[in-house]
């Protein structure tokens, strides 16, 4: 047993954190978040935008498509969910629906 443990509790590091945009909330207590990062190409030096989608646990179902959220790494919750929504940073603007005749609802 390691000397770092106290009372059976192991020391944990800081969990990874990402900021991304919610793409979908059609599943129950699950949202799909897209995280973008800019990386420089090793050989050519051009900056590329890399996009990755994460399935995240959203306990209170508060995130809506278009919201900017902070997600943090957590224990595996299902086959693909290893992240959870920590907080909603920016709410998406309300969508304006327009009737075919051009009237705003």
PDB file of N, CA and C in Angstrom:
ATOM      1  N   UNK A   1       0.845  -1.183   0.000  1.00  0.00           N
ATOM      2  CA  UNK A   1       0.000   0.000   0.000  1.00  0.00           C
ATOM      3  C   UNK A   1       0.881   1.234   0.000  1.00  0.00           C
ATOM      4  N   UNK A   2       0.436   2.250  -0.675  1.00  0.00           N
ATOM      5  CA  UNK A   2       1.205   3.481  -0.804  1.00  0.00           C
ATOM      6  C   UNK A   2       1.155   4.285   0.485  1.00  0.00           C
ATOM      7  N   UNK A   3       2.208   5.079   0.704  1.00  0.00           N
ATOM      8  CA  UNK A   3       2.249   5.920   1.899  1.00  0.00           C
ATOM      9  C   UNK A   3       1.427   7.193   1.719  1.00  0.00           C
ATOM     10  N   UNK A   4       1.017   7.491   0.494  1.00  0.00           N
ATOM     11  CA  UNK A   4       0.249   8.708   0.227  1.00  0.00           C
ATOM     12  C   UNK A   4      -1.206   8.586   0.660  1.00  0.00           C
ATOM     13  N   UNK A   5      -1.686   7.363   0.851  1.00  0.00           N
ATOM     14  CA  UNK A   5      -3.097   7.191   1.190  1.00  0.00           C
ATOM     15  C   UNK A   5      -3.313   7.410   2.674  1.00  0.00           C
ATOM     16  N   UNK A   6      -4.446   8.000   2.982  1.00  0.00           N
ATOM     17  CA  UNK A   6      -4.823   8.232   4.373  1.00  0.00           C
ATOM     18  C   UNK A   6      -6.209   7.657   4.586  1.00  0.00           C
ATOM     19  N   UNK A   7      -6.322   6.664   5.425  1.00  0.00           N
ATOM     20  CA  UNK A   7      -7.615   6.075   5.717  1.00  0.00           C
ATOM     21  C   UNK A   7      -8.261   5.413   4.512  1.00  0.00           C
ATOM     22  N   UNK A   8      -7.465   4.859   3.603  1.00  0.00           N
ATOM     23  CA  UNK A   8      -8.009   4.180   2.437  1.00  0.00           C
ATOM     24  C   UNK A   8      -8.385   5.104   1.289  1.00  0.00           C
ATOM     25  N   UNK A   9      -8.259   6.401   1.454  1.00  0.00           N
ATOM     26  CA  UNK A   9      -8.585   7.358   0.388  1.00  0.00           C
ATOM     27  C   UNK A   9      -7.320   7.669  -0.411  1.00  0.00           C
ATOM     28  N   UNK A  10      -7.375   7.472  -1.714  1.00  0.00           N
ATOM     29  CA  UNK A  10      -6.226   7.764  -2.571  1.00  0.00           C
ATOM     30  C   UNK A  10      -6.242   9.241  -2.957  1.00  0.00           C
ATOM     31  N   UNK A  11      -5.051   9.825  -3.091  1.00  0.00           N
ATOM     32  CA  UNK A  11      -4.926  11.210  -3.543  1.00  0.00           C
ATOM     33  C   UNK A  11      -5.306  11.270  -5.021  1.00  0.00           C
ATOM     34  N   UNK A  12      -6.110  12.254  -5.368  1.00  0.00           N
ATOM     35  CA  UNK A  12      -6.497  12.422  -6.762  1.00  0.00           C
ATOM     36  C   UNK A  12      -5.958  13.741  -7.272  1.00  0.00           C
ATOM     37  N   UNK A  13      -5.600  13.739  -8.549  1.00  0.00           N
ATOM     38  CA  UNK A  13      -5.145  14.974  -9.171  1.00  0.00           C
ATOM     39  C   UNK A  13      -6.329  15.818  -9.595  1.00  0.00           C
ATOM     40  N   UNK A  14      -6.036  16.928 -10.198  1.00  0.00           N
ATOM     41  CA  UNK A  14      -7.085  17.819 -10.686  1.00  0.00           C
ATOM     42  C   UNK A  14      -7.687  17.224 -11.961  1.00  0.00           C
ATOM     43  N   UNK A  15      -9.024  17.135 -12.063  1.00  0.00           N
ATOM     44  CA  UNK A  15      -9.622  16.564 -13.280  1.00  0.00           C
ATOM     45  C   UNK A  15      -9.457  17.502 -14.471  1.00  0.00           C
ATOM     46  N   UNK A  16      -9.404  16.915 -15.662  1.00  0.00           N
ATOM     47  CA  UNK A  16      -9.294  17.708 -16.884  1.00  0.00           C
ATOM     48  C   UNK A  16     -10.568  18.521 -17.082  1.00  0.00           C
ATOM     49  N   UNK A  17     -10.432  19.665 -17.707  1.00  0.00           N
ATOM     50  CA  UNK A  17     -11.563  20.549 -17.927  1.00  0.00           C
ATOM     51  C   UNK A  17     -11.497  21.079 -19.355  1.00  0.00           C
ATOM     52  N   UNK A  18     -12.644  21.209 -20.010  1.00  0.00           N
ATOM     53  CA  UNK A  18     -12.716  21.736 -21.366  1.00  0.00           C
ATOM     54  C   UNK A  18     -13.899  22.701 -21.456  1.00  0.00           C
ATOM     55  N   UNK A  19     -13.845  23.612 -22.418  1.00  0.00           N
ATOM     56  CA  UNK A  19     -14.952  24.526 -22.675  1.00  0.00           C
ATOM     57  C   UNK A  19     -15.409  24.280 -24.104  1.00  0.00           C
ATOM     58  N   UNK A  20     -16.716  24.084 -24.278  1.00  0.00           N
ATOM     59  CA  UNK A  20     -17.241  23.788 -25.603  1.00  0.00           C
ATOM     60  C   UNK A  20     -18.678  24.244 -25.774  1.00  0.00           C
ATOM     61  N   UNK A  21     -19.227  23.918 -26.928  1.00  0.00           N
ATOM     62  CA  UNK A  21     -20.579  24.328 -27.291  1.00  0.00           C
ATOM     63  C   UNK A  21     -21.480  23.102 -27.361  1.00  0.00           C
ATOM     64  N   UNK A  22     -22.676  23.211 -26.798  1.00  0.00           N
ATOM     65  CA  UNK A  22     -23.629  22.107 -26.821  1.00  0.00           C
ATOM     66  C   UNK A  22     -24.223  21.995 -28.222  1.00  0.00           C
ATOM     67  N   UNK A  23     -24.146  20.796 -28.798  1.00  0.00           N
ATOM     68  CA  UNK A  23     -24.712  20.548 -30.113  1.00  0.00           C
ATOM     69  C   UNK A  23     -26.104  19.932 -30.014  1.00  0.00           C
ATOM     70  N   UNK A  24     -26.297  19.028 -29.042  1.00  0.00           N
ATOM     71  CA  UNK A  24     -27.548  18.295 -28.954  1.00  0.00           C
ATOM     72  C   UNK A  24     -27.859  17.968 -27.502  1.00  0.00           C
ATOM     73  N   UNK A  25     -29.163  17.985 -27.159  1.00  0.00           N
ATOM     74  CA  UNK A  25     -29.598  17.549 -25.828  1.00  0.00           C
ATOM     75  C   UNK A  25     -30.791  16.606 -25.950  1.00  0.00           C
ATOM     76  N   UNK A  26     -30.817  15.827 -27.015  1.00  0.00           N
ATOM     77  CA  UNK A  26     -31.968  14.968 -27.296  1.00  0.00           C
ATOM     78  C   UNK A  26     -31.996  13.712 -26.431  1.00  0.00           C
ATOM     79  N   UNK A  27     -30.907  13.360 -25.788  1.00  0.00           N
ATOM     80  CA  UNK A  27     -30.885  12.200 -24.900  1.00  0.00           C
ATOM     81  C   UNK A  27     -31.218  12.642 -23.479  1.00  0.00           C
ATOM     82  N   UNK A  28     -31.711  11.718 -22.676  1.00  0.00           N
ATOM     83  CA  UNK A  28     -32.061  12.033 -21.301  1.00  0.00           C
ATOM     84  C   UNK A  28     -30.789  12.164 -20.475  1.00  0.00           C
ATOM     85  N   UNK A  29     -30.609  13.313 -19.832  1.00  0.00           N
ATOM     86  CA  UNK A  29     -29.463  13.614 -18.963  1.00  0.00           C
ATOM     87  C   UNK A  29     -28.118  13.487 -19.670  1.00  0.00           C
ATOM     88  N   UNK A  30     -28.115  13.627 -20.991  1.00  0.00           N
ATOM     89  CA  UNK A  30     -26.874  13.565 -21.761  1.00  0.00           C
ATOM     90  C   UNK A  30     -26.890  14.665 -22.806  1.00  0.00           C
ATOM     91  N   UNK A  31     -25.767  15.359 -22.948  1.00  0.00           N
ATOM     92  CA  UNK A  31     -25.614  16.360 -23.998  1.00  0.00           C
ATOM     93  C   UNK A  31     -24.358  16.040 -24.796  1.00  0.00           C
ATOM     94  N   UNK A  32     -24.357  16.446 -26.057  1.00  0.00           N
ATOM     95  CA  UNK A  32     -23.180  16.298 -26.907  1.00  0.00           C
ATOM     96  C   UNK A  32     -22.531  17.670 -26.991  1.00  0.00           C
ATOM     97  N   UNK A  33     -21.258  17.738 -26.588  1.00  0.00           N
ATOM     98  CA  UNK A  33     -20.524  19.000 -26.548  1.00  0.00           C
ATOM     99  C   UNK A  33     -19.367  18.925 -27.533  1.00  0.00           C
ATOM    100  N   UNK A  34     -19.238  19.954 -28.363  1.00  0.00           N
ATOM    101  CA  UNK A  34     -18.121  20.036 -29.307  1.00  0.00           C
ATOM    102  C   UNK A  34     -17.082  20.997 -28.765  1.00  0.00           C
ATOM    103  N   UNK A  35     -15.854  20.504 -28.649  1.00  0.00           N
ATOM    104  CA  UNK A  35     -14.736  21.316 -28.161  1.00  0.00           C
ATOM    105  C   UNK A  35     -13.789  21.566 -29.333  1.00  0.00           C
ATOM    106  N   UNK A  36     -13.456  22.831 -29.537  1.00  0.00           N
ATOM    107  CA  UNK A  36     -12.528  23.203 -30.605  1.00  0.00           C
ATOM    108  C   UNK A  36     -11.199  23.632 -30.005  1.00  0.00           C
ATOM    109  N   UNK A  37     -10.107  23.239 -30.659  1.00  0.00           N
ATOM    110  CA  UNK A  37      -8.791  23.705 -30.240  1.00  0.00           C
ATOM    111  C   UNK A  37      -7.960  23.969 -31.483  1.00  0.00           C
ATOM    112  N   UNK A  38      -7.096  24.969 -31.366  1.00  0.00           N
ATOM    113  CA  UNK A  38      -6.237  25.329 -32.492  1.00  0.00           C
ATOM    114  C   UNK A  38      -4.857  24.740 -32.261  1.00  0.00           C
ATOM    115  N   UNK A  39      -4.351  24.043 -33.272  1.00  0.00           N
ATOM    116  CA  UNK A  39      -3.038  23.417 -33.176  1.00  0.00           C
ATOM    117  C   UNK A  39      -2.229  23.758 -34.421  1.00  0.00           C
ATOM    118  N   UNK A  40      -0.953  23.937 -34.225  1.00  0.00           N
ATOM    119  CA  UNK A  40      -0.066  24.254 -35.335  1.00  0.00           C
ATOM    120  C   UNK A  40       0.427  22.954 -35.969  1.00  0.00           C
ATOM    121  N   UNK A  41       0.360  22.886 -37.291  1.00  0.00           N
ATOM    122  CA  UNK A  41       0.832  21.701 -38.001  1.00  0.00           C
ATOM    123  C   UNK A  41       2.341  21.584 -37.814  1.00  0.00           C
ATOM    124  N   UNK A  42       2.808  20.385 -37.523  1.00  0.00           N
ATOM    125  CA  UNK A  42       4.213  20.191 -37.201  1.00  0.00           C
ATOM    126  C   UNK A  42       5.160  20.516 -38.337  1.00  0.00           C
ATOM    127  N   UNK A  43       4.810  20.131 -39.555  1.00  0.00           N
ATOM    128  CA  UNK A  43       5.716  20.327 -40.684  1.00  0.00           C
ATOM    129  C   UNK A  43       5.486  21.656 -41.402  1.00  0.00           C
ATOM    130  N   UNK A  44       4.227  22.007 -41.616  1.00  0.00           N
ATOM    131  CA  UNK A  44       3.931  23.165 -42.451  1.00  0.00           C
ATOM    132  C   UNK A  44       3.675  24.445 -41.669  1.00  0.00           C
ATOM    133  N   UNK A  45       3.417  24.342 -40.390  1.00  0.00           N
ATOM    134  CA  UNK A  45       3.254  25.526 -39.566  1.00  0.00           C
ATOM    135  C   UNK A  45       1.894  26.199 -39.671  1.00  0.00           C
ATOM    136  N   UNK A  46       0.988  25.622 -40.447  1.00  0.00           N
ATOM    137  CA  UNK A  46      -0.345  26.206 -40.580  1.00  0.00           C
ATOM    138  C   UNK A  46      -1.175  25.846 -39.346  1.00  0.00           C
ATOM    139  N   UNK A  47      -1.983  26.812 -38.892  1.00  0.00           N
ATOM    140  CA  UNK A  47      -2.844  26.554 -37.740  1.00  0.00           C
ATOM    141  C   UNK A  47      -4.113  25.848 -38.200  1.00  0.00           C
ATOM    142  N   UNK A  48      -4.441  24.757 -37.534  1.00  0.00           N
ATOM    143  CA  UNK A  48      -5.612  23.958 -37.862  1.00  0.00           C
ATOM    144  C   UNK A  48      -6.588  23.997 -36.692  1.00  0.00           C
ATOM    145  N   UNK A  49      -7.868  23.947 -36.977  1.00  0.00           N
ATOM    146  CA  UNK A  49      -8.885  23.862 -35.938  1.00  0.00           C
ATOM    147  C   UNK A  49      -9.315  22.410 -35.816  1.00  0.00           C
ATOM    148  N   UNK A  50      -9.034  21.829 -34.663  1.00  0.00           N
ATOM    149  CA  UNK A  50      -9.419  20.444 -34.420  1.00  0.00           C
ATOM    150  C   UNK A  50     -10.685  20.441 -33.578  1.00  0.00           C
ATOM    151  N   UNK A  51     -11.670  19.658 -34.000  1.00  0.00           N
ATOM    152  CA  UNK A  51     -12.943  19.584 -33.294  1.00  0.00           C
ATOM    153  C   UNK A  51     -13.133  18.170 -32.759  1.00  0.00           C
ATOM    154  N   UNK A  52     -13.635  18.072 -31.534  1.00  0.00           N
ATOM    155  CA  UNK A  52     -13.891  16.771 -30.929  1.00  0.00           C
ATOM    156  C   UNK A  52     -15.221  16.836 -30.200  1.00  0.00           C
ATOM    157  N   UNK A  53     -16.015  15.770 -30.305  1.00  0.00           N
ATOM    158  CA  UNK A  53     -17.308  15.717 -29.638  1.00  0.00           C
ATOM    159  C   UNK A  53     -17.214  14.828 -28.408  1.00  0.00           C
ATOM    160  N   UNK A  54     -17.803  15.295 -27.329  1.00  0.00           N
ATOM    161  CA  UNK A  54     -17.854  14.540 -26.081  1.00  0.00           C
ATOM    162  C   UNK A  54     -19.307  14.351 -25.683  1.00  0.00           C
ATOM    163  N   UNK A  55     -19.648  13.154 -25.199  1.00  0.00           N
ATOM    164  CA  UNK A  55     -20.957  12.935 -24.596  1.00  0.00           C
ATOM    165  C   UNK A  55     -20.797  13.187 -23.110  1.00  0.00           C
ATOM    166  N   UNK A  56     -21.611  14.095 -22.572  1.00  0.00           N
ATOM    167  CA  UNK A  56     -21.442  14.559 -21.199  1.00  0.00           C
ATOM    168  C   UNK A  56     -22.723  14.361 -20.403  1.00  0.00           C
ATOM    169  N   UNK A  57     -22.562  14.056 -19.134  1.00  0.00           N
ATOM    170  CA  UNK A  57     -23.699  13.888 -18.233  1.00  0.00           C
ATOM    171  C   UNK A  57     -24.188  15.262 -17.783  1.00  0.00           C
ATOM    172  N   UNK A  58     -25.483  15.496 -17.913  1.00  0.00           N
ATOM    173  CA  UNK A  58     -26.113  16.757 -17.511  1.00  0.00           C
ATOM    174  C   UNK A  58     -27.254  16.408 -16.562  1.00  0.00           C
ATOM    175  N   UNK A  59     -26.949  16.356 -15.275  1.00  0.00           N
ATOM    176  CA  UNK A  59     -27.892  15.873 -14.259  1.00  0.00           C
ATOM    177  C   UNK A  59     -29.203  16.656 -14.253  1.00  0.00           C
ATOM    178  N   UNK A  60     -29.140  17.971 -14.335  1.00  0.00           N
ATOM    179  CA  UNK A  60     -30.334  18.811 -14.213  1.00  0.00           C
ATOM    180  C   UNK A  60     -30.943  19.181 -15.562  1.00  0.00           C
ATOM    181  N   UNK A  61     -30.395  18.664 -16.645  1.00  0.00           N
ATOM    182  CA  UNK A  61     -30.860  18.933 -18.002  1.00  0.00           C
ATOM    183  C   UNK A  61     -31.011  20.430 -18.252  1.00  0.00           C
ATOM    184  N   UNK A  62     -29.996  21.189 -17.841  1.00  0.00           N
ATOM    185  CA  UNK A  62     -30.050  22.645 -17.954  1.00  0.00           C
ATOM    186  C   UNK A  62     -29.410  23.168 -19.238  1.00  0.00           C
ATOM    187  N   UNK A  63     -28.571  22.377 -19.894  1.00  0.00           N
ATOM    188  CA  UNK A  63     -27.873  22.844 -21.094  1.00  0.00           C
ATOM    189  C   UNK A  63     -28.748  22.659 -22.323  1.00  0.00           C
ATOM    190  N   UNK A  64     -28.777  23.685 -23.162  1.00  0.00           N
ATOM    191  CA  UNK A  64     -29.551  23.674 -24.400  1.00  0.00           C
ATOM    192  C   UNK A  64     -28.592  23.837 -25.578  1.00  0.00           C
ATOM    193  N   UNK A  65     -28.997  23.437 -26.783  1.00  0.00           N
ATOM    194  CA  UNK A  65     -28.117  23.607 -27.948  1.00  0.00           C
ATOM    195  C   UNK A  65     -27.713  25.066 -28.133  1.00  0.00           C
ATOM    196  N   UNK A  66     -26.430  25.276 -28.361  1.00  0.00           N
ATOM    197  CA  UNK A  66     -25.894  26.622 -28.535  1.00  0.00           C
ATOM    198  C   UNK A  66     -25.262  27.186 -27.284  1.00  0.00           C
ATOM    199  N   UNK A  67     -25.540  26.598 -26.108  1.00  0.00           N
ATOM    200  CA  UNK A  67     -24.944  27.074 -24.862  1.00  0.00           C
ATOM    201  C   UNK A  67     -23.452  26.788 -24.842  1.00  0.00           C
ATOM    202  N   UNK A  68     -22.690  27.671 -24.221  1.00  0.00           N
ATOM    203  CA  UNK A  68     -21.269  27.435 -24.000  1.00  0.00           C
ATOM    204  C   UNK A  68     -21.132  26.882 -22.579  1.00  0.00           C
ATOM    205  N   UNK A  69     -20.504  25.713 -22.429  1.00  0.00           N
ATOM    206  CA  UNK A  69     -20.434  25.034 -21.133  1.00  0.00           C
ATOM    207  C   UNK A  69     -19.006  24.629 -20.798  1.00  0.00           C
ATOM    208  N   UNK A  70     -18.766  24.442 -19.496  1.00  0.00           N
ATOM    209  CA  UNK A  70     -17.501  23.872 -19.028  1.00  0.00           C
ATOM    210  C   UNK A  70     -17.778  22.424 -18.641  1.00  0.00           C
ATOM    211  N   UNK A  71     -16.984  21.488 -19.179  1.00  0.00           N
ATOM    212  CA  UNK A  71     -17.142  20.084 -18.838  1.00  0.00           C
ATOM    213  C   UNK A  71     -15.888  19.612 -18.113  1.00  0.00           C
ATOM    214  N   UNK A  72     -16.066  18.681 -17.195  1.00  0.00           N
ATOM    215  CA  UNK A  72     -14.942  18.137 -16.440  1.00  0.00           C
ATOM    216  C   UNK A  72     -14.960  16.616 -16.538  1.00  0.00           C
ATOM    217  N   UNK A  73     -13.783  16.044 -16.459  1.00  0.00           N
ATOM    218  CA  UNK A  73     -13.620  14.605 -16.530  1.00  0.00           C
ATOM    219  C   UNK A  73     -14.175  13.968 -15.267  1.00  0.00           C
ATOM    220  N   UNK A  74     -14.794  12.803 -15.414  1.00  0.00           N
ATOM    221  CA  UNK A  74     -15.356  12.105 -14.266  1.00  0.00           C
ATOM    222  C   UNK A  74     -15.253  10.602 -14.496  1.00  0.00           C
ATOM    223  N   UNK A  75     -15.778   9.845 -13.557  1.00  0.00           N
ATOM    224  CA  UNK A  75     -15.736   8.385 -13.702  1.00  0.00           C
ATOM    225  C   UNK A  75     -16.608   7.968 -14.885  1.00  0.00           C
ATOM    226  N   UNK A  76     -16.374   6.790 -15.463  1.00  0.00           N
ATOM    227  CA  UNK A  76     -17.223   6.337 -16.559  1.00  0.00           C
ATOM    228  C   UNK A  76     -18.666   6.156 -16.096  1.00  0.00           C
ATOM    229  N   UNK A  77     -19.598   6.804 -16.783  1.00  0.00           N
ATOM    230  CA  UNK A  77     -21.014   6.697 -16.427  1.00  0.00           C
ATOM    231  C   UNK A  77     -21.764   5.773 -17.367  1.00  0.00           C
ATOM    232  N   UNK A  78     -21.231   5.558 -18.556  1.00  0.00           N
ATOM    233  CA  UNK A  78     -21.811   4.613 -19.506  1.00  0.00           C
ATOM    234  C   UNK A  78     -20.710   4.236 -20.492  1.00  0.00           C
ATOM    235  N   UNK A  79     -21.093   3.603 -21.578  1.00  0.00           N
ATOM    236  CA  UNK A  79     -20.108   3.163 -22.564  1.00  0.00           C
ATOM    237  C   UNK A  79     -19.302   4.332 -23.122  1.00  0.00           C
ATOM    238  N   UNK A  80     -19.948   5.477 -23.359  1.00  0.00           N
ATOM    239  CA  UNK A  80     -19.264   6.603 -23.985  1.00  0.00           C
ATOM    240  C   UNK A  80     -19.170   7.846 -23.119  1.00  0.00           C
ATOM    241  N   UNK A  81     -19.880   7.901 -21.983  1.00  0.00           N
ATOM    242  CA  UNK A  81     -19.886   9.116 -21.158  1.00  0.00           C
ATOM    243  C   UNK A  81     -18.785   9.051 -20.097  1.00  0.00           C
ATOM    244  N   UNK A  82     -17.801   9.960 -20.215  1.00  0.00           N
ATOM    245  CA  UNK A  82     -16.729  10.072 -19.224  1.00  0.00           C
ATOM    246  C   UNK A  82     -16.566  11.513 -18.762  1.00  0.00           C
ATOM    247  N   UNK A  83     -17.487  12.386 -19.146  1.00  0.00           N
ATOM    248  CA  UNK A  83     -17.428  13.801 -18.821  1.00  0.00           C
ATOM    249  C   UNK A  83     -18.772  14.227 -18.249  1.00  0.00           C
ATOM    250  N   UNK A  84     -18.787  15.316 -17.480  1.00  0.00           N
ATOM    251  CA  UNK A  84     -20.035  15.871 -16.973  1.00  0.00           C
ATOM    252  C   UNK A  84     -20.012  17.379 -17.124  1.00  0.00           C
ATOM    253  N   UNK A  85     -21.192  17.974 -17.217  1.00  0.00           N
ATOM    254  CA  UNK A  85     -21.309  19.424 -17.352  1.00  0.00           C
ATOM    255  C   UNK A  85     -21.130  20.029 -15.966  1.00  0.00           C
ATOM    256  N   UNK A  86     -20.103  20.875 -15.813  1.00  0.00           N
ATOM    257  CA  UNK A  86     -19.847  21.522 -14.531  1.00  0.00           C
ATOM    258  C   UNK A  86     -20.682  22.785 -14.398  1.00  0.00           C
ATOM    259  N   UNK A  87     -20.744  23.586 -15.471  1.00  0.00           N
ATOM    260  CA  UNK A  87     -21.520  24.821 -15.417  1.00  0.00           C
ATOM    261  C   UNK A  87     -21.825  25.303 -16.823  1.00  0.00           C
ATOM    262  N   UNK A  88     -22.911  26.057 -16.924  1.00  0.00           N
ATOM    263  CA  UNK A  88     -23.263  26.711 -18.185  1.00  0.00           C
ATOM    264  C   UNK A  88     -22.674  28.114 -18.118  1.00  0.00           C
ATOM    265  N   UNK A  89     -21.746  28.424 -19.024  1.00  0.00           N
ATOM    266  CA  UNK A  89     -21.064  29.712 -19.008  1.00  0.00           C
ATOM    267  C   UNK A  89     -21.883  30.793 -19.698  1.00  0.00           C
ATOM    268  N   UNK A  90     -22.365  30.503 -20.912  1.00  0.00           N
ATOM    269  CA  UNK A  90     -23.131  31.482 -21.685  1.00  0.00           C
ATOM    270  C   UNK A  90     -24.349  30.775 -22.261  1.00  0.00           C
ATOM    271  N   UNK A  91     -25.528  31.335 -22.002  1.00  0.00           N
ATOM    272  CA  UNK A  91     -26.760  30.781 -22.554  1.00  0.00           C
ATOM    273  C   UNK A  91     -26.881  31.179 -24.025  1.00  0.00           C
ATOM    274  N   UNK A  92     -27.463  30.294 -24.826  1.00  0.00           N
ATOM    275  CA  UNK A  92     -27.692  30.588 -26.238  1.00  0.00           C
ATOM    276  C   UNK A  92     -28.803  31.615 -26.366  1.00  0.00           C
ATOM    277  N   UNK A  93     -28.714  32.410 -27.414  1.00  0.00           N
ATOM    278  CA  UNK A  93     -29.769  33.383 -27.665  1.00  0.00           C
ATOM    279  C   UNK A  93     -31.037  32.638 -28.071  1.00  0.00           C
ATOM    280  N   UNK A  94     -32.193  33.149 -27.654  1.00  0.00           N
ATOM    281  CA  UNK A  94     -33.466  32.521 -27.981  1.00  0.00           C
ATOM    282  C   UNK A  94     -33.686  32.561 -29.486  1.00  0.00           C
ATOM    283  N   UNK A  95     -34.149  31.446 -30.003  1.00  0.00           N
ATOM    284  CA  UNK A  95     -34.406  31.372 -31.436  1.00  0.00           C
ATOM    285  C   UNK A  95     -35.734  32.058 -31.743  1.00  0.00           C
ATOM    286  N   UNK A  96     -35.752  32.838 -32.793  1.00  0.00           N
ATOM    287  CA  UNK A  96     -36.967  33.518 -33.217  1.00  0.00           C
ATOM    288  C   UNK A  96     -37.590  32.681 -34.320  1.00  0.00           C
ATOM    289  N   UNK A  97     -38.851  32.266 -34.111  1.00  0.00           N
ATOM    290  CA  UNK A  97     -39.538  31.464 -35.104  1.00  0.00           C
ATOM    291  C   UNK A  97     -40.366  32.387 -35.996  1.00  0.00           C
ATOM    292  N   UNK A  98     -40.338  32.118 -37.294  1.00  0.00           N
ATOM    293  CA  UNK A  98     -41.060  32.943 -38.258  1.00  0.00           C
ATOM    294  C   UNK A  98     -42.034  32.050 -39.013  1.00  0.00           C
ATOM    295  N   UNK A  99     -43.293  32.484 -39.101  1.00  0.00           N
ATOM    296  CA  UNK A  99     -44.303  31.765 -39.878  1.00  0.00           C
ATOM    297  C   UNK A  99     -43.971  31.923 -41.369  1.00  0.00           C
ATOM    298  N   UNK A 100     -44.490  31.038 -42.216  1.00  0.00           N
ATOM    299  CA  UNK A 100     -44.220  31.154 -43.654  1.00  0.00           C
ATOM    300  C   UNK A 100     -44.691  32.484 -44.254  1.00  0.00           C
ATOM    301  N   UNK A 101     -45.689  33.122 -43.630  1.00  0.00           N
ATOM    302  CA  UNK A 101     -46.172  34.394 -44.153  1.00  0.00           C
ATOM    303  C   UNK A 101     -45.261  35.563 -43.758  1.00  0.00           C
ATOM    304  N   UNK A 102     -44.244  35.308 -42.957  1.00  0.00           N
ATOM    305  CA  UNK A 102     -43.338  36.355 -42.547  1.00  0.00           C
ATOM    306  C   UNK A 102     -43.681  36.975 -41.194  1.00  0.00           C
ATOM    307  N   UNK A 103     -44.671  36.415 -40.483  1.00  0.00           N
ATOM    308  CA  UNK A 103     -45.049  36.939 -39.171  1.00  0.00           C
ATOM    309  C   UNK A 103     -44.179  36.303 -38.093  1.00  0.00           C
ATOM    310  N   UNK A 104     -43.746  37.119 -37.159  1.00  0.00           N
ATOM    311  CA  UNK A 104     -42.937  36.605 -36.046  1.00  0.00           C
ATOM    312  C   UNK A 104     -43.868  36.058 -34.977  1.00  0.00           C
ATOM    313  N   UNK A 105     -43.554  34.893 -34.471  1.00  0.00           N
ATOM    314  CA  UNK A 105     -44.380  34.260 -33.433  1.00  0.00           C
ATOM    315  C   UNK A 105     -43.997  34.814 -32.070  1.00  0.00           C
TER     316      UNK A 105
END
